[in-house]
Amino acid sequence: MDEGISRKEHEEFARRQDDENHRQNRRIAELEESVRQIGALTTSVEKLASSMESMVKEQEKQGTRLEILEARDGEKWRRVASHVVTAVVGAVVCYLMTQLGI
């Protein structure tokens, strides 16, 4: 007939089951920690991407302002040069007119 297992065999089986449960629980805990770390990393990357996007927009604005400032200085120098050339031409014309007696 069917004989049951001995108490010793049952205790050995139960001990192995407990060991396996403990090992699996430890692995699950490690996996859960990994998932938390990956979630934190994902959040950090999203914040970094948002920050980079803001920085790019700010750099574009600063580039536009810098171009305006550089163009303004260039325009001032062109005006000064134009006035100097006009003054020199006017002086030469006046000189020639006085030489001609006009």
Protein backbone atom coordinates (compact mmCIF):
# COMPACT_ATOMS: atom_id res chain seq x y z
CA MET A 1 0.00 0.00 0.00
CA ASP A 2 0.87 3.59 -0.13
CA GLU A 3 3.35 4.53 2.51
CA GLY A 4 3.77 8.19 3.47
CA ILE A 5 7.08 9.93 3.74
CA SER A 6 9.02 9.97 6.95
CA ARG A 7 9.11 12.96 9.24
CA LYS A 8 12.79 13.50 8.39
CA GLU A 9 12.07 13.53 4.64
CA HIS A 10 9.22 15.99 5.19
CA GLU A 11 11.44 18.30 7.25
CA GLU A 12 14.15 18.15 4.56
CA PHE A 13 11.59 18.96 1.88
CA ALA A 14 10.17 21.85 3.95
CA ARG A 15 13.70 23.21 4.59
CA ARG A 16 14.51 23.14 0.88
CA GLN A 17 11.23 24.87 0.07
CA ASP A 18 12.00 27.55 2.67
CA ASP A 19 15.50 28.00 1.23
CA GLU A 20 14.07 28.32 -2.28
CA ASN A 21 11.43 30.80 -1.09
CA HIS A 22 14.12 32.84 0.66
CA ARG A 23 16.31 32.84 -2.48
CA GLN A 24 13.38 33.90 -4.69
CA ASN A 25 12.30 36.61 -2.24
CA ARG A 26 15.85 38.01 -2.25
CA ARG A 27 15.94 38.01 -6.06
CA ILE A 28 12.54 39.73 -6.21
CA ALA A 29 13.75 42.37 -3.75
CA GLU A 30 16.85 42.96 -5.91
CA LEU A 31 14.69 43.25 -9.03
CA GLU A 32 12.36 45.70 -7.29
CA GLU A 33 15.36 47.82 -6.29
CA SER A 34 16.64 47.73 -9.87
CA VAL A 35 13.24 48.85 -11.14
CA ARG A 36 13.23 51.74 -8.61
CA GLN A 37 16.72 52.78 -9.73
CA ILE A 38 15.72 52.63 -13.40
CA GLY A 39 12.65 54.74 -12.61
CA ALA A 40 14.82 57.31 -10.81
CA LEU A 41 17.25 57.32 -13.73
CA THR A 42 14.41 57.83 -16.19
CA THR A 43 13.13 60.78 -14.17
CA SER A 44 16.63 62.28 -14.06
CA VAL A 45 17.04 61.90 -17.82
CA GLU A 46 13.68 63.58 -18.42
CA LYS A 47 14.68 66.49 -16.17
CA LEU A 48 18.04 66.71 -17.95
CA ALA A 49 16.36 66.76 -21.36
CA SER A 50 13.99 69.50 -20.23
CA SER A 51 16.88 71.51 -18.83
CA MET A 52 18.86 71.09 -22.06
CA GLU A 53 15.84 72.22 -24.08
CA SER A 54 15.55 75.36 -21.94
CA MET A 55 19.27 76.03 -22.33
CA VAL A 56 19.06 75.71 -26.11
CA LYS A 57 16.16 78.18 -26.23
CA GLU A 58 18.07 80.63 -24.02
CA GLN A 59 21.18 80.30 -26.20
CA GLU A 60 19.11 81.02 -29.29
CA LYS A 61 17.74 84.16 -27.64
CA GLN A 62 21.23 85.24 -26.59
CA GLY A 63 22.53 84.59 -30.12
CA THR A 64 19.82 86.80 -31.57
CA ARG A 65 20.59 89.57 -29.08
CA LEU A 66 24.31 89.27 -29.83
CA GLU A 67 23.70 89.56 -33.57
CA ILE A 68 21.63 92.71 -32.96
CA LEU A 69 24.37 94.24 -30.80
CA GLU A 70 27.09 93.36 -33.30
CA ALA A 71 25.04 94.81 -36.16
CA ARG A 72 24.43 97.99 -34.15
CA ASP A 73 28.17 98.55 -33.62
CA GLY A 74 28.86 97.86 -37.30
CA GLU A 75 26.19 100.32 -38.33
CA LYS A 76 27.69 103.03 -36.10
CA TRP A 77 31.11 102.55 -37.69
CA ARG A 78 29.60 102.74 -41.18
CA ARG A 79 27.88 106.03 -40.27
CA VAL A 80 31.11 107.47 -38.84
CA ALA A 81 33.02 106.42 -41.95
CA SER A 82 30.33 107.96 -44.18
CA HIS A 83 30.49 111.26 -42.28
CA VAL A 84 34.30 111.32 -42.46
CA VAL A 85 34.25 110.66 -46.21
CA THR A 86 31.59 113.37 -46.68
CA ALA A 87 33.67 115.85 -44.65
CA VAL A 88 36.85 115.04 -46.63
CA VAL A 89 35.04 115.35 -49.97
CA GLY A 90 33.47 118.62 -48.81
CA ALA A 91 36.88 119.96 -47.74
CA VAL A 92 38.44 119.00 -51.08
CA VAL A 93 35.58 120.65 -53.01
CA CYS A 94 35.92 123.81 -50.89
CA TYR A 95 39.69 123.87 -51.45
CA LEU A 96 39.28 123.47 -55.20
CA MET A 97 36.63 126.20 -55.31
CA THR A 98 38.86 128.60 -53.43
CA GLN A 99 41.72 127.78 -55.77
CA LEU A 100 39.50 128.54 -58.73
CA GLY A 101 38.30 131.72 -57.11
CA ILE A 102 34.70 130.78 -56.79
